[in-house]
Amino acid sequence: MRPCAILALLVALAGCGKVGDPLPPFIRIPEAVRDLSASQVGDEIVLTWTNPARNIDGSAATDLKTVHIRTGPDTFASAGVNAAGRQQSFMIPSRERTGRQETYALQLETMGLRLSDLSNSVSIVPVEVPGAVTTVRSVVDQGRIVLEWEQPPAPQYADEYIISRSDRPQKDIAAARRYEDPRYVHGQSYTYQVTAARRTDQGLVPGTEGRSFVVVAFDNMAPRTPQGLETVAEDSGGFLTWEANTETDLAGYRVFRAEEPRGLFTALLEDVHATNAIFDPAYRQGLYYAVSAVDEFGNESARSAPYRVP
C-alpha cells in the first residue's frame, strides 16, 4: 500500500472516533390541559377538553396513555386518551349530584408513567331537568312545517324547547310547545328533534333527549271553506261576493252553479278565480251557487253551503 493511501486511511479512522456535543434528554412530560369545560346535558355532566399535542420540552406528545379526572386530591375516574391534540369528552351521571357544586380537573399520564400538571379546574352545580319530549305532531301548511308537542315529564322544569333539524347546524329555541319552520323544500323529508330545557344561572340546560322523527314536507291541507256568499242582481247578470280567505298559500276560488240545491253543480270557469267576487251573466232568480277555495298545491276545500238567489 502506498504511503499516501495509508495516511488517508488513518485520518478517516481517527475522524470516526470523534465524540460530538451531548444532546439534552427528552423530558416526556405532557403539557397541561388548559381548556377544560363542564356542562350539563340531560342527566349527565359533560367534561370537554383538548389533549396536549406536545410535551413541556417541545417534543411531540406521542405516548399519552391515560387521562385522570380528579375531584380535589382524589382521582374520580380514568379513561384512555383518544389522541394527542384532539378534543375529548367524558360523561358523569349527574342525578346523585343534583344541587351541589362539583369541581373537576384533569391530569395526563404517559406510557412511561409521567404525569402532567393539573389542568384548569371547572365547577358546575347539576340541576333537575325535564324529561324527554316523545309525542310530536306535524302539519305542513301555508309554506310552513308546524310542530306541536305534549308536555314532557317534570314539565315544571321545561322553560324553553330546543329544536334541531339534522340538515343544519344551528338550533332554534321555542318558548311555547309550538314551532314553525318556513325553511323547507316541498316534497323533501326532514328529521327533527325537540328537547325540553331548563333556564338557570348557568345558561340553558337541555333535558333528556327524545326520539328523532321525520316530516315529509308535503302540503295536503285544504284551505278553509269560504263563507258569507252574497249576490247582487244587475240588468245583465249578477255579482257574487264572499269573505276572502286568509291562507298565505291561497291560489283562488272555484264558483259553482246549479238548478237545485242537490243537483249537479257545474263550475262557472275552468280555471281558478283569483278574487272573492265574480260576475255571472247567466245569473237569475232561483239558481243555487257554492264556492270552494284552492291552494297553490291543488288542495281544495269543501264547497260552501248552497246559496239560493232570492
C-alpha atoms as a PDB file:
ATOM      1  CA  MET A   1       0.000   0.000   0.000  1.00  0.00           C
ATOM      2  CA  ARG A   2       1.257   3.420  -0.900  1.00  0.00           C
ATOM      3  CA  PRO A   3       2.227   5.742   1.984  1.00  0.00           C
ATOM      4  CA  CYS A   4      -0.362   8.389   0.948  1.00  0.00           C
ATOM      5  CA  ALA A   5      -3.150   5.808   0.980  1.00  0.00           C
ATOM      6  CA  ILE A   6      -2.141   4.616   4.439  1.00  0.00           C
ATOM      7  CA  LEU A   7      -2.161   8.213   5.698  1.00  0.00           C
ATOM      8  CA  ALA A   8      -5.639   8.828   4.293  1.00  0.00           C
ATOM      9  CA  LEU A   9      -6.952   5.667   5.977  1.00  0.00           C
ATOM     10  CA  LEU A  10      -5.546   6.690   9.344  1.00  0.00           C
ATOM     11  CA  VAL A  11      -7.151  10.138   9.073  1.00  0.00           C
ATOM     12  CA  ALA A  12     -10.532   8.575   8.252  1.00  0.00           C
ATOM     13  CA  LEU A  13     -10.376   6.160  11.188  1.00  0.00           C
ATOM     14  CA  ALA A  14      -9.433   8.973  13.516  1.00  0.00           C
ATOM     15  CA  GLY A  15     -12.491  11.024  12.347  1.00  0.00           C
ATOM     16  CA  CYS A  16     -14.893   8.147  13.030  1.00  0.00           C
ATOM     17  CA  GLY A  17     -13.933   8.092  16.680  1.00  0.00           C
ATOM     18  CA  LYS A  18     -14.676  11.756  17.363  1.00  0.00           C
ATOM     19  CA  VAL A  19     -17.307  12.319  20.080  1.00  0.00           C
ATOM     20  CA  GLY A  20     -19.968  15.045  19.329  1.00  0.00           C
ATOM     21  CA  ASP A  21     -21.595  17.505  21.715  1.00  0.00           C
ATOM     22  CA  PRO A  22     -24.044  15.801  24.127  1.00  0.00           C
ATOM     23  CA  LEU A  23     -27.756  16.233  23.333  1.00  0.00           C
ATOM     24  CA  PRO A  24     -30.208  17.169  26.109  1.00  0.00           C
ATOM     25  CA  PRO A  25     -32.522  14.301  27.103  1.00  0.00           C
ATOM     26  CA  PHE A  26     -36.203  14.466  26.104  1.00  0.00           C
ATOM     27  CA  ILE A  27     -38.460  15.374  29.018  1.00  0.00           C
ATOM     28  CA  ARG A  28     -41.600  13.486  28.069  1.00  0.00           C
ATOM     29  CA  ILE A  29     -43.961  15.235  30.460  1.00  0.00           C
ATOM     30  CA  PRO A  30     -47.141  16.325  28.682  1.00  0.00           C
ATOM     31  CA  GLU A  31     -48.223  19.922  28.710  1.00  0.00           C
ATOM     32  CA  ALA A  32     -51.220  20.539  30.972  1.00  0.00           C
ATOM     33  CA  VAL A  33     -54.749  20.803  29.614  1.00  0.00           C
ATOM     34  CA  ARG A  34     -55.834  24.472  29.652  1.00  0.00           C
ATOM     35  CA  ASP A  35     -59.347  24.418  28.161  1.00  0.00           C
ATOM     36  CA  LEU A  36     -61.320  22.026  30.383  1.00  0.00           C
ATOM     37  CA  SER A  37     -65.042  22.929  30.445  1.00  0.00           C
ATOM     38  CA  ALA A  38     -68.107  21.397  32.080  1.00  0.00           C
ATOM     39  CA  SER A  39     -71.740  21.453  31.031  1.00  0.00           C
ATOM     40  CA  GLN A  40     -74.899  19.533  31.830  1.00  0.00           C
ATOM     41  CA  VAL A  41     -76.817  17.676  29.137  1.00  0.00           C
ATOM     42  CA  GLY A  42     -79.817  15.731  30.388  1.00  0.00           C
ATOM     43  CA  ASP A  43     -78.810  13.700  33.414  1.00  0.00           C
ATOM     44  CA  GLU A  44     -75.080  13.858  32.677  1.00  0.00           C
ATOM     45  CA  ILE A  45     -72.222  16.243  33.354  1.00  0.00           C
ATOM     46  CA  VAL A  46     -70.095  16.518  30.213  1.00  0.00           C
ATOM     47  CA  LEU A  47     -66.396  17.371  30.628  1.00  0.00           C
ATOM     48  CA  THR A  48     -64.713  18.520  27.402  1.00  0.00           C
ATOM     49  CA  TRP A  49     -61.062  19.367  26.737  1.00  0.00           C
ATOM     50  CA  THR A  50     -58.286  19.247  24.155  1.00  0.00           C
ATOM     51  CA  ASN A  51     -55.470  16.772  24.743  1.00  0.00           C
ATOM     52  CA  PRO A  52     -51.997  18.372  24.555  1.00  0.00           C
ATOM     53  CA  ALA A  53     -50.124  17.971  21.275  1.00  0.00           C
ATOM     54  CA  ARG A  54     -46.662  18.448  22.825  1.00  0.00           C
ATOM     55  CA  ASN A  55     -44.579  17.757  25.893  1.00  0.00           C
ATOM     56  CA  ILE A  56     -43.140  20.560  28.035  1.00  0.00           C
ATOM     57  CA  ASP A  57     -39.797  20.306  26.167  1.00  0.00           C
ATOM     58  CA  GLY A  58     -41.491  20.905  22.816  1.00  0.00           C
ATOM     59  CA  SER A  59     -41.353  17.308  21.600  1.00  0.00           C
ATOM     60  CA  ALA A  60     -44.491  15.662  20.198  1.00  0.00           C
ATOM     61  CA  ALA A  61     -46.732  14.039  22.809  1.00  0.00           C
ATOM     62  CA  THR A  62     -46.710  10.618  21.157  1.00  0.00           C
ATOM     63  CA  ASP A  63     -47.051   8.423  24.240  1.00  0.00           C
ATOM     64  CA  LEU A  64     -50.148   9.779  26.002  1.00  0.00           C
ATOM     65  CA  LYS A  65     -51.954   6.894  27.660  1.00  0.00           C
ATOM     66  CA  THR A  66     -54.449   7.889  30.353  1.00  0.00           C
ATOM     67  CA  VAL A  67     -56.411  10.924  31.482  1.00  0.00           C
ATOM     68  CA  HIS A  68     -57.268  11.071  35.182  1.00  0.00           C
ATOM     69  CA  ILE A  69     -60.370  13.040  36.214  1.00  0.00           C
ATOM     70  CA  ARG A  70     -59.826  14.474  39.674  1.00  0.00           C
ATOM     71  CA  THR A  71     -62.101  15.969  42.310  1.00  0.00           C
ATOM     72  CA  GLY A  72     -59.800  17.634  44.782  1.00  0.00           C
ATOM     73  CA  PRO A  73     -56.798  15.402  45.504  1.00  0.00           C
ATOM     74  CA  ASP A  74     -58.637  12.207  44.552  1.00  0.00           C
ATOM     75  CA  THR A  75     -58.914  10.519  41.160  1.00  0.00           C
ATOM     76  CA  PHE A  76     -62.624  10.278  40.405  1.00  0.00           C
ATOM     77  CA  ALA A  77     -62.268   8.297  37.164  1.00  0.00           C
ATOM     78  CA  SER A  78     -59.750   7.478  34.429  1.00  0.00           C
ATOM     79  CA  ALA A  79     -60.081   6.983  30.692  1.00  0.00           C
ATOM     80  CA  GLY A  80     -57.875   6.231  27.724  1.00  0.00           C
ATOM     81  CA  VAL A  81     -56.593   9.157  25.667  1.00  0.00           C
ATOM     82  CA  ASN A  82     -58.056   9.154  22.157  1.00  0.00           C
ATOM     83  CA  ALA A  83     -55.215  11.103  20.507  1.00  0.00           C
ATOM     84  CA  ALA A  84     -52.771  13.949  21.097  1.00  0.00           C
ATOM     85  CA  GLY A  85     -54.098  17.343  20.060  1.00  0.00           C
ATOM     86  CA  ARG A  86     -57.658  16.085  19.713  1.00  0.00           C
ATOM     87  CA  GLN A  87     -60.770  17.125  21.612  1.00  0.00           C
ATOM     88  CA  GLN A  88     -62.149  14.565  24.034  1.00  0.00           C
ATOM     89  CA  SER A  89     -65.163  14.300  26.334  1.00  0.00           C
ATOM     90  CA  PHE A  90     -66.103  12.351  29.434  1.00  0.00           C
ATOM     91  CA  MET A  91     -69.630  11.956  30.822  1.00  0.00           C
ATOM     92  CA  ILE A  92     -70.526  11.707  34.502  1.00  0.00           C
ATOM     93  CA  PRO A  93     -74.033  10.808  35.767  1.00  0.00           C
ATOM     94  CA  SER A  94     -75.443  13.885  37.481  1.00  0.00           C
ATOM     95  CA  ARG A  95     -78.592  12.616  39.173  1.00  0.00           C
ATOM     96  CA  GLU A  96     -76.945  11.806  42.522  1.00  0.00           C
ATOM     97  CA  ARG A  97     -75.055  15.127  42.396  1.00  0.00           C
ATOM     98  CA  THR A  98     -78.044  17.395  41.839  1.00  0.00           C
ATOM     99  CA  GLY A  99     -77.949  20.634  43.819  1.00  0.00           C
ATOM    100  CA  ARG A 100     -74.346  20.517  44.979  1.00  0.00           C
ATOM    101  CA  GLN A 101     -71.300  22.081  43.393  1.00  0.00           C
ATOM    102  CA  GLU A 102     -68.876  19.726  41.701  1.00  0.00           C
ATOM    103  CA  THR A 103     -65.294  20.764  40.809  1.00  0.00           C
ATOM    104  CA  TYR A 104     -63.126  18.838  38.357  1.00  0.00           C
ATOM    105  CA  ALA A 105     -59.588  18.938  36.959  1.00  0.00           C
ATOM    106  CA  LEU A 106     -57.553  16.649  34.680  1.00  0.00           C
ATOM    107  CA  GLN A 107     -54.086  15.150  34.685  1.00  0.00           C
ATOM    108  CA  LEU A 108     -52.481  13.342  31.732  1.00  0.00           C
ATOM    109  CA  GLU A 109     -50.288  10.265  32.135  1.00  0.00           C
ATOM    110  CA  THR A 110     -47.852   8.825  29.570  1.00  0.00           C
ATOM    111  CA  MET A 111     -46.888   5.246  28.841  1.00  0.00           C
ATOM    112  CA  GLY A 112     -43.726   5.995  30.802  1.00  0.00           C
ATOM    113  CA  LEU A 113     -45.872   6.875  33.843  1.00  0.00           C
ATOM    114  CA  ARG A 114     -45.013  10.563  33.704  1.00  0.00           C
ATOM    115  CA  LEU A 115     -47.766  12.948  34.828  1.00  0.00           C
ATOM    116  CA  SER A 116     -48.655  16.389  33.519  1.00  0.00           C
ATOM    117  CA  ASP A 117     -49.522  19.302  35.760  1.00  0.00           C
ATOM    118  CA  LEU A 118     -53.172  19.656  36.691  1.00  0.00           C
ATOM    119  CA  SER A 119     -55.454  21.300  34.178  1.00  0.00           C
ATOM    120  CA  ASN A 120     -57.561  24.353  34.877  1.00  0.00           C
ATOM    121  CA  SER A 121     -60.399  23.482  37.254  1.00  0.00           C
ATOM    122  CA  VAL A 122     -64.103  23.842  36.446  1.00  0.00           C
ATOM    123  CA  SER A 123     -67.149  23.871  38.705  1.00  0.00           C
ATOM    124  CA  ILE A 124     -70.780  23.070  37.978  1.00  0.00           C
ATOM    125  CA  VAL A 125     -73.990  22.674  40.001  1.00  0.00           C
ATOM    126  CA  PRO A 126     -76.189  19.983  38.371  1.00  0.00           C
ATOM    127  CA  VAL A 127     -79.936  20.651  38.381  1.00  0.00           C
ATOM    128  CA  GLU A 128     -83.113  18.683  37.859  1.00  0.00           C
ATOM    129  CA  VAL A 129     -84.134  18.741  34.188  1.00  0.00           C
ATOM    130  CA  PRO A 130     -87.335  17.967  32.244  1.00  0.00           C
ATOM    131  CA  GLY A 131     -87.876  14.556  30.720  1.00  0.00           C
ATOM    132  CA  ALA A 132     -87.948  13.594  27.063  1.00  0.00           C
ATOM    133  CA  VAL A 133     -90.428  15.051  24.574  1.00  0.00           C
ATOM    134  CA  THR A 134     -91.918  11.965  22.945  1.00  0.00           C
ATOM    135  CA  THR A 135     -95.209  12.989  21.302  1.00  0.00           C
ATOM    136  CA  VAL A 136     -94.784  15.452  18.426  1.00  0.00           C
ATOM    137  CA  ARG A 137     -97.394  16.289  15.794  1.00  0.00           C
ATOM    138  CA  SER A 138     -96.542  17.912  12.475  1.00  0.00           C
ATOM    139  CA  VAL A 139     -98.567  19.728   9.831  1.00  0.00           C
ATOM    140  CA  VAL A 140     -97.288  21.119   6.539  1.00  0.00           C
ATOM    141  CA  ASP A 141     -99.433  24.066   5.506  1.00  0.00           C
ATOM    142  CA  GLN A 142     -99.190  27.614   4.117  1.00  0.00           C
ATOM    143  CA  GLY A 143     -95.456  27.423   3.476  1.00  0.00           C
ATOM    144  CA  ARG A 144     -94.538  26.166   6.943  1.00  0.00           C
ATOM    145  CA  ILE A 145     -93.796  22.948   8.771  1.00  0.00           C
ATOM    146  CA  VAL A 146     -95.664  23.325  12.064  1.00  0.00           C
ATOM    147  CA  LEU A 147     -94.624  21.181  15.047  1.00  0.00           C
ATOM    148  CA  GLU A 148     -96.615  20.858  18.263  1.00  0.00           C
ATOM    149  CA  TRP A 149     -95.857  18.557  21.195  1.00  0.00           C
ATOM    150  CA  GLU A 150     -97.126  17.378  24.569  1.00  0.00           C
ATOM    151  CA  GLN A 151     -95.572  18.358  27.893  1.00  0.00           C
ATOM    152  CA  PRO A 152     -92.547  16.261  28.903  1.00  0.00           C
ATOM    153  CA  PRO A 153     -92.191  14.520  32.268  1.00  0.00           C
ATOM    154  CA  ALA A 154     -91.276  17.045  35.007  1.00  0.00           C
ATOM    155  CA  PRO A 155     -92.832  19.918  32.999  1.00  0.00           C
ATOM    156  CA  GLN A 156     -92.137  22.393  35.837  1.00  0.00           C
ATOM    157  CA  TYR A 157     -88.512  22.459  34.649  1.00  0.00           C
ATOM    158  CA  ALA A 158     -89.356  22.964  30.962  1.00  0.00           C
ATOM    159  CA  ASP A 159     -88.751  26.693  30.466  1.00  0.00           C
ATOM    160  CA  GLU A 160     -87.914  26.517  26.756  1.00  0.00           C
ATOM    161  CA  TYR A 161     -87.523  23.976  23.962  1.00  0.00           C
ATOM    162  CA  ILE A 162     -84.549  23.337  21.699  1.00  0.00           C
ATOM    163  CA  ILE A 163     -85.467  22.346  18.143  1.00  0.00           C
ATOM    164  CA  SER A 164     -82.819  20.773  15.929  1.00  0.00           C
ATOM    165  CA  ARG A 165     -83.021  19.668  12.299  1.00  0.00           C
ATOM    166  CA  SER A 166     -80.457  17.167  11.050  1.00  0.00           C
ATOM    167  CA  ASP A 167     -79.542  19.038   7.853  1.00  0.00           C
ATOM    168  CA  ARG A 168     -78.474  22.302   9.510  1.00  0.00           C
ATOM    169  CA  PRO A 169     -76.067  23.011  12.381  1.00  0.00           C
ATOM    170  CA  GLN A 170     -77.938  25.808  14.148  1.00  0.00           C
ATOM    171  CA  LYS A 171     -80.633  25.078  16.715  1.00  0.00           C
ATOM    172  CA  ASP A 172     -83.779  27.126  17.304  1.00  0.00           C
ATOM    173  CA  ILE A 173     -85.403  27.967  20.632  1.00  0.00           C
ATOM    174  CA  ALA A 174     -89.169  27.975  21.253  1.00  0.00           C
ATOM    175  CA  ALA A 175     -90.803  29.361  24.392  1.00  0.00           C
ATOM    176  CA  ALA A 176     -94.093  27.514  23.803  1.00  0.00           C
ATOM    177  CA  ARG A 177     -94.900  23.992  22.688  1.00  0.00           C
ATOM    178  CA  ARG A 178     -95.191  25.055  19.063  1.00  0.00           C
ATOM    179  CA  TYR A 179     -92.637  25.747  16.342  1.00  0.00           C
ATOM    180  CA  GLU A 180     -92.991  26.917  12.742  1.00  0.00           C
ATOM    181  CA  ASP A 181     -90.286  26.222  10.177  1.00  0.00           C
ATOM    182  CA  PRO A 182     -90.608  28.088   6.853  1.00  0.00           C
ATOM    183  CA  ARG A 183     -87.257  26.856   5.524  1.00  0.00           C
ATOM    184  CA  TYR A 184     -88.040  23.742   3.529  1.00  0.00           C
ATOM    185  CA  VAL A 185     -88.446  22.392   0.017  1.00  0.00           C
ATOM    186  CA  HIS A 186     -91.849  20.947  -0.805  1.00  0.00           C
ATOM    187  CA  GLY A 187     -91.738  17.155  -1.066  1.00  0.00           C
ATOM    188  CA  GLN A 188     -88.443  16.644   0.793  1.00  0.00           C
ATOM    189  CA  SER A 189     -88.028  14.840   4.146  1.00  0.00           C
ATOM    190  CA  TYR A 190     -86.579  16.419   7.289  1.00  0.00           C
ATOM    191  CA  THR A 191     -85.520  14.887  10.615  1.00  0.00           C
ATOM    192  CA  TYR A 192     -86.299  16.879  13.776  1.00  0.00           C
ATOM    193  CA  GLN A 193     -85.666  16.512  17.492  1.00  0.00           C
ATOM    194  CA  VAL A 194     -87.358  18.539  20.241  1.00  0.00           C
ATOM    195  CA  THR A 195     -85.619  18.764  23.634  1.00  0.00           C
ATOM    196  CA  ALA A 196     -87.126  20.473  26.679  1.00  0.00           C
ATOM    197  CA  ALA A 197     -84.635  22.664  28.544  1.00  0.00           C
ATOM    198  CA  ARG A 198     -84.356  24.462  31.869  1.00  0.00           C
ATOM    199  CA  ARG A 199     -83.183  28.076  32.132  1.00  0.00           C
ATOM    200  CA  THR A 200     -80.661  28.511  35.000  1.00  0.00           C
ATOM    201  CA  ASP A 201     -77.949  30.935  36.097  1.00  0.00           C
ATOM    202  CA  GLN A 202     -75.532  28.651  34.229  1.00  0.00           C
ATOM    203  CA  GLY A 203     -77.495  29.065  30.997  1.00  0.00           C
ATOM    204  CA  LEU A 204     -79.912  26.789  29.171  1.00  0.00           C
ATOM    205  CA  VAL A 205     -79.598  23.190  30.378  1.00  0.00           C
ATOM    206  CA  PRO A 206     -81.017  20.614  27.936  1.00  0.00           C
ATOM    207  CA  GLY A 207     -83.219  17.928  29.437  1.00  0.00           C
ATOM    208  CA  THR A 208     -83.434  14.291  28.417  1.00  0.00           C
ATOM    209  CA  GLU A 209     -83.267  13.880  24.650  1.00  0.00           C
ATOM    210  CA  GLY A 210     -86.340  12.478  22.946  1.00  0.00           C
ATOM    211  CA  ARG A 211     -86.526  10.433  19.793  1.00  0.00           C
ATOM    212  CA  SER A 212     -85.947  11.913  16.356  1.00  0.00           C
ATOM    213  CA  PHE A 213     -88.830  11.960  13.904  1.00  0.00           C
ATOM    214  CA  VAL A 214     -89.176  12.517  10.174  1.00  0.00           C
ATOM    215  CA  VAL A 215     -91.502  15.016   8.495  1.00  0.00           C
ATOM    216  CA  VAL A 216     -92.266  14.657   4.801  1.00  0.00           C
ATOM    217  CA  ALA A 217     -92.834  18.240   3.665  1.00  0.00           C
ATOM    218  CA  PHE A 218     -95.868  17.594   1.511  1.00  0.00           C
ATOM    219  CA  ASP A 219     -98.754  20.045   1.901  1.00  0.00           C
ATOM    220  CA  ASN A 220    -102.099  18.242   1.741  1.00  0.00           C
ATOM    221  CA  MET A 221    -104.051  20.683   3.925  1.00  0.00           C
ATOM    222  CA  ALA A 222    -107.020  22.256   2.162  1.00  0.00           C
ATOM    223  CA  PRO A 223    -107.965  25.902   2.759  1.00  0.00           C
ATOM    224  CA  ARG A 224    -110.932  26.915   4.870  1.00  0.00           C
ATOM    225  CA  THR A 225    -114.343  26.658   3.225  1.00  0.00           C
ATOM    226  CA  PRO A 226    -115.373  30.139   2.008  1.00  0.00           C
ATOM    227  CA  GLN A 227    -118.101  31.860   3.996  1.00  0.00           C
ATOM    228  CA  GLY A 228    -120.560  34.736   3.547  1.00  0.00           C
ATOM    229  CA  LEU A 229    -121.689  34.182  -0.059  1.00  0.00           C
ATOM    230  CA  GLU A 230    -123.962  37.001  -1.262  1.00  0.00           C
ATOM    231  CA  THR A 231    -125.385  38.131  -4.606  1.00  0.00           C
ATOM    232  CA  VAL A 232    -126.301  41.456  -6.221  1.00  0.00           C
ATOM    233  CA  ALA A 233    -128.515  41.454  -9.321  1.00  0.00           C
ATOM    234  CA  GLU A 234    -127.647  43.556 -12.359  1.00  0.00           C
ATOM    235  CA  ASP A 235    -129.522  44.088 -15.626  1.00  0.00           C
ATOM    236  CA  SER A 236    -127.085  41.846 -17.490  1.00  0.00           C
ATOM    237  CA  GLY A 237    -126.499  39.243 -14.786  1.00  0.00           C
ATOM    238  CA  GLY A 238    -125.379  39.251 -11.185  1.00  0.00           C
ATOM    239  CA  PHE A 239    -122.365  39.740  -8.943  1.00  0.00           C
ATOM    240  CA  LEU A 240    -121.380  37.088  -6.394  1.00  0.00           C
ATOM    241  CA  THR A 241    -119.160  38.037  -3.437  1.00  0.00           C
ATOM    242  CA  TRP A 242    -117.926  36.208  -0.353  1.00  0.00           C
ATOM    243  CA  GLU A 243    -115.473  36.669   2.516  1.00  0.00           C
ATOM    244  CA  ALA A 244    -111.846  36.413   1.384  1.00  0.00           C
ATOM    245  CA  ASN A 245    -109.821  33.507   2.717  1.00  0.00           C
ATOM    246  CA  THR A 246    -106.669  34.434   4.649  1.00  0.00           C
ATOM    247  CA  GLU A 247    -104.396  31.479   3.826  1.00  0.00           C
ATOM    248  CA  THR A 248    -100.961  32.630   2.630  1.00  0.00           C
ATOM    249  CA  ASP A 249    -100.748  29.848   0.030  1.00  0.00           C
ATOM    250  CA  LEU A 250    -104.206  30.509  -1.447  1.00  0.00           C
ATOM    251  CA  ALA A 251    -104.364  30.212  -5.249  1.00  0.00           C
ATOM    252  CA  GLY A 252    -108.005  31.250  -5.670  1.00  0.00           C
ATOM    253  CA  TYR A 253    -111.594  30.008  -5.786  1.00  0.00           C
ATOM    254  CA  ARG A 254    -113.927  27.821  -7.776  1.00  0.00           C
ATOM    255  CA  VAL A 255    -117.518  29.016  -8.179  1.00  0.00           C
ATOM    256  CA  PHE A 256    -120.307  26.529  -8.933  1.00  0.00           C
ATOM    257  CA  ARG A 257    -123.911  26.901 -10.128  1.00  0.00           C
ATOM    258  CA  ALA A 258    -126.878  24.505 -10.079  1.00  0.00           C
ATOM    259  CA  GLU A 259    -130.623  24.448 -10.660  1.00  0.00           C
ATOM    260  CA  GLU A 260    -131.369  22.545  -7.443  1.00  0.00           C
ATOM    261  CA  PRO A 261    -129.604  22.514  -4.039  1.00  0.00           C
ATOM    262  CA  ARG A 262    -128.829  18.825  -4.504  1.00  0.00           C
ATOM    263  CA  GLY A 263    -128.482  18.948  -8.241  1.00  0.00           C
ATOM    264  CA  LEU A 264    -125.392  18.905 -10.429  1.00  0.00           C
ATOM    265  CA  PHE A 265    -123.158  21.893  -9.655  1.00  0.00           C
ATOM    266  CA  THR A 266    -121.016  22.995 -12.589  1.00  0.00           C
ATOM    267  CA  ALA A 267    -118.074  25.382 -12.439  1.00  0.00           C
ATOM    268  CA  LEU A 268    -118.502  28.847 -13.899  1.00  0.00           C
ATOM    269  CA  LEU A 269    -114.843  28.859 -15.034  1.00  0.00           C
ATOM    270  CA  GLU A 270    -112.380  26.138 -15.980  1.00  0.00           C
ATOM    271  CA  ASP A 271    -109.539  27.891 -14.152  1.00  0.00           C
ATOM    272  CA  VAL A 272    -109.264  29.009 -10.541  1.00  0.00           C
ATOM    273  CA  HIS A 273    -110.696  32.507  -9.995  1.00  0.00           C
ATOM    274  CA  ALA A 274    -108.231  34.806  -8.186  1.00  0.00           C
ATOM    275  CA  THR A 275    -110.551  37.167  -6.277  1.00  0.00           C
ATOM    276  CA  ASN A 276    -113.511  36.820  -3.922  1.00  0.00           C
ATOM    277  CA  ALA A 277    -116.002  38.329  -6.386  1.00  0.00           C
ATOM    278  CA  ILE A 278    -117.252  37.235  -9.811  1.00  0.00           C
ATOM    279  CA  PHE A 279    -119.858  38.300 -12.362  1.00  0.00           C
ATOM    280  CA  ASP A 280    -122.212  35.674 -13.818  1.00  0.00           C
ATOM    281  CA  PRO A 281    -124.120  36.745 -16.962  1.00  0.00           C
ATOM    282  CA  ALA A 282    -126.390  33.689 -16.546  1.00  0.00           C
ATOM    283  CA  TYR A 283    -127.437  34.814 -13.092  1.00  0.00           C
ATOM    284  CA  ARG A 284    -131.190  34.650 -12.375  1.00  0.00           C
ATOM    285  CA  GLN A 285    -133.577  34.165  -9.521  1.00  0.00           C
ATOM    286  CA  GLY A 286    -133.855  30.611  -8.177  1.00  0.00           C
ATOM    287  CA  LEU A 287    -130.326  29.471  -9.092  1.00  0.00           C
ATOM    288  CA  TYR A 288    -128.031  27.980  -6.453  1.00  0.00           C
ATOM    289  CA  TYR A 289    -124.337  28.881  -6.016  1.00  0.00           C
ATOM    290  CA  ALA A 290    -121.463  27.440  -3.979  1.00  0.00           C
ATOM    291  CA  VAL A 291    -117.789  28.366  -3.625  1.00  0.00           C
ATOM    292  CA  SER A 292    -114.639  26.379  -2.767  1.00  0.00           C
ATOM    293  CA  ALA A 293    -111.073  27.578  -2.093  1.00  0.00           C
ATOM    294  CA  VAL A 294    -107.929  26.112  -3.708  1.00  0.00           C
ATOM    295  CA  ASP A 295    -104.311  26.497  -2.552  1.00  0.00           C
ATOM    296  CA  GLU A 296    -101.176  26.577  -4.681  1.00  0.00           C
ATOM    297  CA  PHE A 297    -100.615  22.822  -4.200  1.00  0.00           C
ATOM    298  CA  GLY A 298    -104.050  21.947  -5.621  1.00  0.00           C
ATOM    299  CA  ASN A 299    -105.720  21.209  -2.271  1.00  0.00           C
ATOM    300  CA  GLU A 300    -109.385  22.184  -2.478  1.00  0.00           C
ATOM    301  CA  SER A 301    -111.747  22.947   0.390  1.00  0.00           C
ATOM    302  CA  ALA A 302    -115.273  21.665   0.733  1.00  0.00           C
ATOM    303  CA  ARG A 303    -117.881  23.770  -1.025  1.00  0.00           C
ATOM    304  CA  SER A 304    -119.823  26.341   0.885  1.00  0.00           C
ATOM    305  CA  ALA A 305    -123.460  25.610   1.666  1.00  0.00           C
ATOM    306  CA  PRO A 306    -125.661  26.124  -1.459  1.00  0.00           C
ATOM    307  CA  TYR A 307    -126.899  29.691  -1.665  1.00  0.00           C
ATOM    308  CA  ARG A 308    -130.227  30.310  -3.435  1.00  0.00           C
ATOM    309  CA  VAL A 309    -130.660  33.537  -5.335  1.00  0.00           C
ATOM    310  CA  PRO A 310    -133.731  35.260  -3.781  1.00  0.00           C
END
